[in-house]
Amino acid sequence: MSDSRWYHGGANGLRPDELLLPPTVIGVKSQALEVRALRLSTDFNPDLQVALLVHLKRIYQPDRVYVTSDLQAARWYAQDGGSVYEVEPIGDLRLDRGEPSGYTVEAARVIFVVEDDVPVLVSELIRSAALKEQSWGYLTNGPVFTANYFLGWAEKLFCSLLRRLPKLQGVHGEPHWRQVLANGFLIAAETPEVDPFVIAAFAALHDACRKCDGHDPDHGERAEQLALELAESDALCLFPQQLDVLCVALRDHDRGYVNDVPTIGACWDADRLDLPRVGVKVDPSFLSTPFALALNQ
């Protein structure tokens, strides 16, 4: 164990040589219990969620500092804007009963900041849910994307992307992106096949590369390229299949197409349902999803 590198994921703002102390020592609320609960919670089985929280409270140790030798596990605790630190454990290492690679210590000293502003780790979130489904078999009400739990995380992905984009205004700026997100979530909540993470990424990125509010025929292709760059830098942590769907949705969103792939159609419908903001009535022949058609009536 002495040769291991140790990491801690949590709130940002710490610098080398600063000490990480337990929540009970410094009198702050730790997010560790909430993060673990989010990793294990589901709105398909509220009784099991309550049981899991009871279990987590038994094993949670607010008088200790959590460290791990698994960098990805530390990123879990820092995702959505936190930081990952390499740390030097102080005191005895005790196996953490809630994490296979986790330990707790009396305190830890920051060696250096590994990563700031950790994005929402969508692919890890879905992978964890898939493993959970295989292990416990209680996600039985259709695709995992339909859970309200994932809609909440998708909104976090949208906000994570906003931190990396210029705050554009105008009729194609940030207020429009937020309305597209709201429209897309309405469609996703009623359409089990729609992936809300792709909806969130589309809402944030589809007009982010516009050069003007007028005619700009290449802005979809530029948005696609931006998505690929964000994915390459791990700021957009999607599965490859999700990224492929997102790229099509971004590239072709302003070309007047319809699409029978539910997620792509939902992205385009979410955008077109906001046309009345510029005085344009939505033509139902350009809508792809039944729920968007119903909303437009």
Protein backbone atom coordinates (compact mmCIF):
# COMPACT_ATOMS: atom_id res chain seq x y z
CA MET A 1 0.00 0.00 0.00
CA SER A 2 2.92 2.35 0.62
CA ASP A 3 3.64 2.62 -3.12
CA SER A 4 0.03 3.57 -3.98
CA ARG A 5 -0.97 6.98 -5.16
CA TRP A 6 -3.90 8.37 -3.20
CA TYR A 7 -6.63 10.67 -4.43
CA HIS A 8 -9.50 12.64 -2.94
CA GLY A 9 -12.42 14.11 -4.87
CA GLY A 10 -14.43 16.97 -3.44
CA ALA A 11 -14.92 20.71 -3.34
CA ASN A 12 -12.47 22.86 -5.26
CA GLY A 13 -10.24 25.61 -3.92
CA LEU A 14 -7.53 23.64 -2.11
CA ARG A 15 -3.86 24.04 -2.97
CA PRO A 16 -0.68 22.02 -2.30
CA ASP A 17 0.28 21.58 1.38
CA GLU A 18 -3.24 22.37 2.60
CA LEU A 19 -4.84 19.81 4.88
CA LEU A 20 -8.02 17.87 4.24
CA LEU A 21 -9.76 17.40 7.59
CA PRO A 22 -12.92 15.42 8.45
CA PRO A 23 -16.29 17.20 8.19
CA THR A 24 -16.87 16.89 11.94
CA VAL A 25 -13.55 18.60 12.66
CA ILE A 26 -14.05 21.63 10.43
CA GLY A 27 -17.81 21.80 10.92
CA VAL A 28 -18.95 21.52 7.31
CA LYS A 29 -21.45 19.27 5.60
CA SER A 30 -19.77 16.58 3.53
CA GLN A 31 -21.17 15.66 0.12
CA ALA A 32 -19.86 12.10 0.31
CA LEU A 33 -23.09 10.59 1.62
CA GLU A 34 -25.19 12.44 -0.97
CA VAL A 35 -22.87 11.36 -3.79
CA ARG A 36 -23.09 7.74 -2.73
CA ALA A 37 -26.86 8.00 -2.48
CA LEU A 38 -27.06 9.43 -6.01
CA ARG A 39 -24.92 6.59 -7.32
CA LEU A 40 -27.31 4.04 -5.86
CA SER A 41 -30.71 5.73 -5.95
CA THR A 42 -33.56 5.08 -8.35
CA ASP A 43 -37.07 6.38 -8.69
CA PHE A 44 -38.22 2.93 -9.82
CA ASN A 45 -38.07 1.49 -6.30
CA PRO A 46 -38.45 4.06 -3.50
CA ASP A 47 -38.43 1.37 -0.78
CA LEU A 48 -35.03 0.13 -1.90
CA GLN A 49 -33.73 3.70 -2.07
CA VAL A 50 -34.69 4.24 1.59
CA ALA A 51 -33.02 0.97 2.57
CA LEU A 52 -29.84 1.96 0.74
CA LEU A 53 -29.71 5.33 2.49
CA VAL A 54 -30.07 3.63 5.86
CA HIS A 55 -27.22 1.31 4.94
CA LEU A 56 -25.02 4.18 3.74
CA LYS A 57 -25.56 6.12 6.94
CA ARG A 58 -24.31 3.09 8.89
CA ILE A 59 -21.04 2.89 6.97
CA TYR A 60 -20.48 6.63 6.39
CA GLN A 61 -17.73 8.03 8.60
CA PRO A 62 -17.96 11.85 8.93
CA ASP A 63 -15.01 11.86 11.35
CA ARG A 64 -12.65 10.49 8.68
CA VAL A 65 -11.31 11.66 5.31
CA TYR A 66 -12.03 9.50 2.28
CA VAL A 67 -9.12 8.58 -0.01
CA THR A 68 -8.86 6.14 -2.87
CA SER A 69 -6.20 4.62 -5.11
CA ASP A 70 -8.69 4.72 -8.02
CA LEU A 71 -8.53 8.06 -9.85
CA GLN A 72 -11.91 7.49 -11.53
CA ALA A 73 -13.56 6.86 -8.15
CA ALA A 74 -12.18 10.18 -6.90
CA ARG A 75 -13.56 11.90 -9.99
CA TRP A 76 -17.01 10.54 -9.07
CA TYR A 77 -16.94 12.55 -5.87
CA ALA A 78 -15.71 15.67 -7.65
CA GLN A 79 -17.94 15.61 -10.72
CA ASP A 80 -20.05 18.61 -11.67
CA GLY A 81 -17.50 21.27 -10.85
CA GLY A 82 -15.35 19.86 -8.03
CA SER A 83 -11.65 19.02 -7.96
CA VAL A 84 -9.51 15.91 -7.71
CA TYR A 85 -6.39 16.03 -5.54
CA GLU A 86 -3.45 13.70 -5.14
CA VAL A 87 -2.97 13.48 -1.40
CA GLU A 88 -0.68 12.10 1.27
CA PRO A 89 -2.69 10.16 3.89
CA ILE A 90 -2.08 11.10 7.52
CA GLY A 91 -2.75 8.48 10.19
CA ASP A 92 -3.94 4.90 9.85
CA LEU A 93 -5.58 3.68 6.65
CA ARG A 94 -8.90 1.90 7.23
CA LEU A 95 -10.78 0.06 4.53
CA ASP A 96 -13.93 1.97 3.56
CA ARG A 97 -16.90 -0.41 3.54
CA GLY A 98 -18.76 1.58 0.91
CA GLU A 99 -16.13 1.64 -1.87
CA PRO A 100 -14.00 -1.31 -3.12
CA SER A 101 -10.93 0.88 -3.66
CA GLY A 102 -11.66 3.33 -0.86
CA TYR A 103 -10.03 3.96 2.50
CA THR A 104 -10.47 6.49 5.26
CA VAL A 105 -7.78 8.34 7.18
CA GLU A 106 -7.53 10.84 10.00
CA ALA A 107 -6.48 13.61 7.59
CA ALA A 108 -4.72 14.07 4.26
CA ARG A 109 -2.28 16.62 2.85
CA VAL A 110 -2.78 17.91 -0.70
CA ILE A 111 0.22 17.13 -2.91
CA PHE A 112 -1.15 18.70 -6.08
CA VAL A 113 -4.39 19.42 -7.92
CA VAL A 114 -4.98 16.68 -10.48
CA GLU A 115 -8.08 18.21 -12.09
CA ASP A 116 -10.32 21.21 -11.55
CA ASP A 117 -13.95 21.58 -12.68
CA VAL A 118 -14.58 17.86 -13.19
CA PRO A 119 -17.45 17.43 -15.69
CA VAL A 120 -20.51 15.25 -15.24
CA LEU A 121 -19.27 11.72 -15.96
CA VAL A 122 -22.19 10.54 -18.05
CA SER A 123 -20.62 7.33 -19.36
CA GLU A 124 -19.57 6.28 -15.85
CA LEU A 125 -23.00 7.15 -14.48
CA ILE A 126 -24.75 4.95 -17.05
CA ARG A 127 -22.18 2.17 -16.69
CA SER A 128 -22.80 2.17 -12.95
CA ALA A 129 -26.56 1.98 -13.51
CA ALA A 130 -26.12 -0.93 -15.94
CA LEU A 131 -24.00 -2.85 -13.43
CA LYS A 132 -26.57 -2.09 -10.75
CA GLU A 133 -29.33 -3.46 -12.98
CA GLN A 134 -27.37 -6.66 -13.60
CA SER A 135 -26.58 -7.10 -9.93
CA TRP A 136 -29.93 -6.27 -8.34
CA GLY A 137 -32.39 -6.58 -11.22
CA TYR A 138 -34.82 -3.90 -10.08
CA LEU A 139 -34.60 -1.50 -13.03
CA THR A 140 -37.44 -3.26 -14.83
CA ASN A 141 -39.64 -0.41 -16.06
CA GLY A 142 -37.91 0.15 -19.37
CA PRO A 143 -34.68 1.88 -20.44
CA VAL A 144 -32.64 3.48 -17.67
CA PHE A 145 -32.84 6.79 -19.55
CA THR A 146 -36.50 7.21 -18.59
CA ALA A 147 -35.83 7.62 -14.85
CA ASN A 148 -36.32 11.12 -13.45
CA TYR A 149 -33.02 10.52 -11.68
CA PHE A 150 -31.24 10.63 -15.04
CA LEU A 151 -33.14 13.74 -16.14
CA GLY A 152 -31.66 15.49 -13.11
CA TRP A 153 -28.16 14.41 -14.02
CA ALA A 154 -28.76 15.45 -17.63
CA GLU A 155 -29.55 18.96 -16.40
CA LYS A 156 -26.25 18.92 -14.51
CA LEU A 157 -24.51 17.99 -17.77
CA PHE A 158 -26.14 20.99 -19.47
CA CYS A 159 -24.88 23.33 -16.71
CA SER A 160 -21.43 21.72 -16.83
CA LEU A 161 -21.22 22.46 -20.55
CA LEU A 162 -22.44 26.04 -20.06
CA ARG A 163 -19.37 26.72 -17.91
CA ARG A 164 -17.24 25.93 -20.96
CA LEU A 165 -19.15 28.05 -23.50
CA PRO A 166 -19.42 31.77 -24.21
CA LYS A 167 -22.55 33.29 -22.69
CA LEU A 168 -24.22 34.23 -25.96
CA GLN A 169 -27.44 36.23 -25.89
CA GLY A 170 -29.72 37.21 -28.77
CA VAL A 171 -32.40 35.00 -30.29
CA HIS A 172 -29.95 32.09 -30.68
CA GLY A 173 -28.14 32.56 -27.37
CA GLU A 174 -28.28 31.11 -23.91
CA PRO A 175 -31.97 31.90 -23.18
CA HIS A 176 -32.87 29.88 -26.28
CA TRP A 177 -30.59 27.01 -25.20
CA ARG A 178 -32.40 26.80 -21.88
CA GLN A 179 -35.79 26.69 -23.58
CA VAL A 180 -34.58 23.94 -25.91
CA LEU A 181 -33.48 22.00 -22.82
CA ALA A 182 -36.93 22.42 -21.23
CA ASN A 183 -38.70 21.40 -24.44
CA GLY A 184 -36.42 18.39 -24.87
CA PHE A 185 -36.99 17.20 -21.32
CA LEU A 186 -40.76 17.41 -21.82
CA ILE A 187 -40.40 15.14 -24.86
CA ALA A 188 -37.93 12.81 -23.11
CA ALA A 189 -40.17 12.39 -20.07
CA GLU A 190 -42.94 11.08 -22.33
CA THR A 191 -40.79 9.19 -24.85
CA PRO A 192 -38.89 6.26 -23.25
CA GLU A 193 -36.44 5.87 -26.14
CA VAL A 194 -35.11 9.43 -25.90
CA ASP A 195 -31.70 9.89 -24.24
CA PRO A 196 -31.86 13.00 -22.01
CA PHE A 197 -28.07 13.31 -21.89
CA VAL A 198 -27.92 13.82 -25.65
CA ILE A 199 -30.83 16.28 -25.35
CA ALA A 200 -28.89 18.28 -22.74
CA ALA A 201 -25.70 18.34 -24.80
CA PHE A 202 -27.62 19.33 -27.92
CA ALA A 203 -29.40 22.16 -26.11
CA ALA A 204 -26.11 23.61 -24.90
CA LEU A 205 -24.12 23.19 -28.10
CA HIS A 206 -26.43 23.45 -31.12
CA ASP A 207 -26.17 27.24 -31.56
CA ALA A 208 -23.02 27.86 -29.50
CA CYS A 209 -20.87 28.28 -32.61
CA ARG A 210 -23.09 30.74 -34.45
CA LYS A 211 -21.33 33.79 -35.86
CA CYS A 212 -24.55 35.79 -36.06
CA ASP A 213 -28.29 35.53 -35.51
CA GLY A 214 -28.90 35.60 -39.25
CA HIS A 215 -28.04 33.17 -42.04
CA ASP A 216 -25.16 30.95 -40.90
CA PRO A 217 -25.36 27.65 -42.83
CA ASP A 218 -22.26 26.06 -41.31
CA HIS A 219 -22.97 26.58 -37.61
CA GLY A 220 -24.30 23.04 -37.19
CA GLU A 221 -21.07 21.56 -38.52
CA ARG A 222 -19.06 23.83 -36.23
CA ALA A 223 -21.18 22.68 -33.29
CA GLU A 224 -20.47 19.06 -34.23
CA GLN A 225 -16.73 19.79 -34.25
CA LEU A 226 -16.99 21.49 -30.86
CA ALA A 227 -18.73 18.41 -29.44
CA LEU A 228 -15.93 16.18 -30.73
CA GLU A 229 -13.30 18.48 -29.20
CA LEU A 230 -15.10 18.52 -25.85
CA ALA A 231 -15.36 14.73 -25.92
CA GLU A 232 -11.66 14.42 -26.76
CA SER A 233 -10.77 16.58 -23.75
CA ASP A 234 -13.16 14.56 -21.52
CA ALA A 235 -15.33 17.61 -20.85
CA LEU A 236 -18.21 15.81 -22.58
CA CYS A 237 -18.07 12.33 -21.10
CA LEU A 238 -20.57 10.42 -23.28
CA PHE A 239 -20.51 6.87 -24.58
CA PRO A 240 -19.37 6.67 -28.24
CA GLN A 241 -22.90 5.71 -29.32
CA GLN A 242 -24.32 8.79 -27.63
CA LEU A 243 -21.68 11.02 -29.22
CA ASP A 244 -22.52 9.63 -32.67
CA VAL A 245 -26.20 10.50 -32.23
CA LEU A 246 -25.34 13.94 -30.87
CA CYS A 247 -23.10 14.71 -33.84
CA VAL A 248 -25.87 13.93 -36.34
CA ALA A 249 -28.34 16.02 -34.36
CA LEU A 250 -25.96 18.98 -34.22
CA ARG A 251 -24.76 18.83 -37.81
CA ASP A 252 -28.21 18.65 -39.42
CA HIS A 253 -30.41 20.51 -36.95
CA ASP A 254 -31.04 23.53 -39.21
CA ARG A 255 -31.55 21.68 -42.52
CA GLY A 256 -35.30 21.14 -42.25
CA TYR A 257 -35.09 17.37 -41.87
CA VAL A 258 -37.23 15.06 -39.76
CA ASN A 259 -35.83 11.88 -38.25
CA ASP A 260 -37.31 8.64 -36.93
CA VAL A 261 -34.43 8.07 -34.49
CA PRO A 262 -36.24 9.18 -31.30
CA THR A 263 -33.36 11.11 -29.73
CA ILE A 264 -32.41 12.95 -32.93
CA GLY A 265 -36.05 13.78 -33.64
CA ALA A 266 -36.51 15.00 -30.07
CA CYS A 267 -33.47 17.30 -30.36
CA TRP A 268 -34.78 18.91 -33.54
CA ASP A 269 -38.32 19.17 -32.20
CA ALA A 270 -37.09 20.82 -28.99
CA ASP A 271 -35.37 23.47 -31.11
CA ARG A 272 -38.28 24.02 -33.51
CA LEU A 273 -40.86 24.30 -30.73
CA ASP A 274 -39.09 27.53 -29.75
CA LEU A 275 -39.59 29.16 -33.16
CA PRO A 276 -42.49 31.35 -31.91
CA ARG A 277 -39.88 33.43 -30.01
CA VAL A 278 -38.95 34.91 -33.42
CA GLY A 279 -42.51 35.14 -34.66
CA VAL A 280 -42.49 31.92 -36.68
CA LYS A 281 -45.35 29.46 -36.35
CA VAL A 282 -44.24 25.85 -35.99
CA ASP A 283 -45.08 23.77 -39.06
CA PRO A 284 -46.15 20.30 -37.82
CA SER A 285 -44.76 18.67 -40.96
CA PHE A 286 -41.26 19.47 -39.62
CA LEU A 287 -41.81 17.73 -36.26
CA SER A 288 -40.53 14.20 -35.71
CA THR A 289 -42.02 12.99 -32.41
CA PRO A 290 -45.67 12.36 -31.51
CA PHE A 291 -45.34 14.23 -28.22
CA ALA A 292 -43.97 17.35 -29.94
CA LEU A 293 -46.90 17.22 -32.35
CA ALA A 294 -49.23 17.07 -29.35
CA LEU A 295 -47.46 20.00 -27.70
CA ASN A 296 -47.80 22.05 -30.89
CA GLN A 297 -51.57 21.68 -31.12
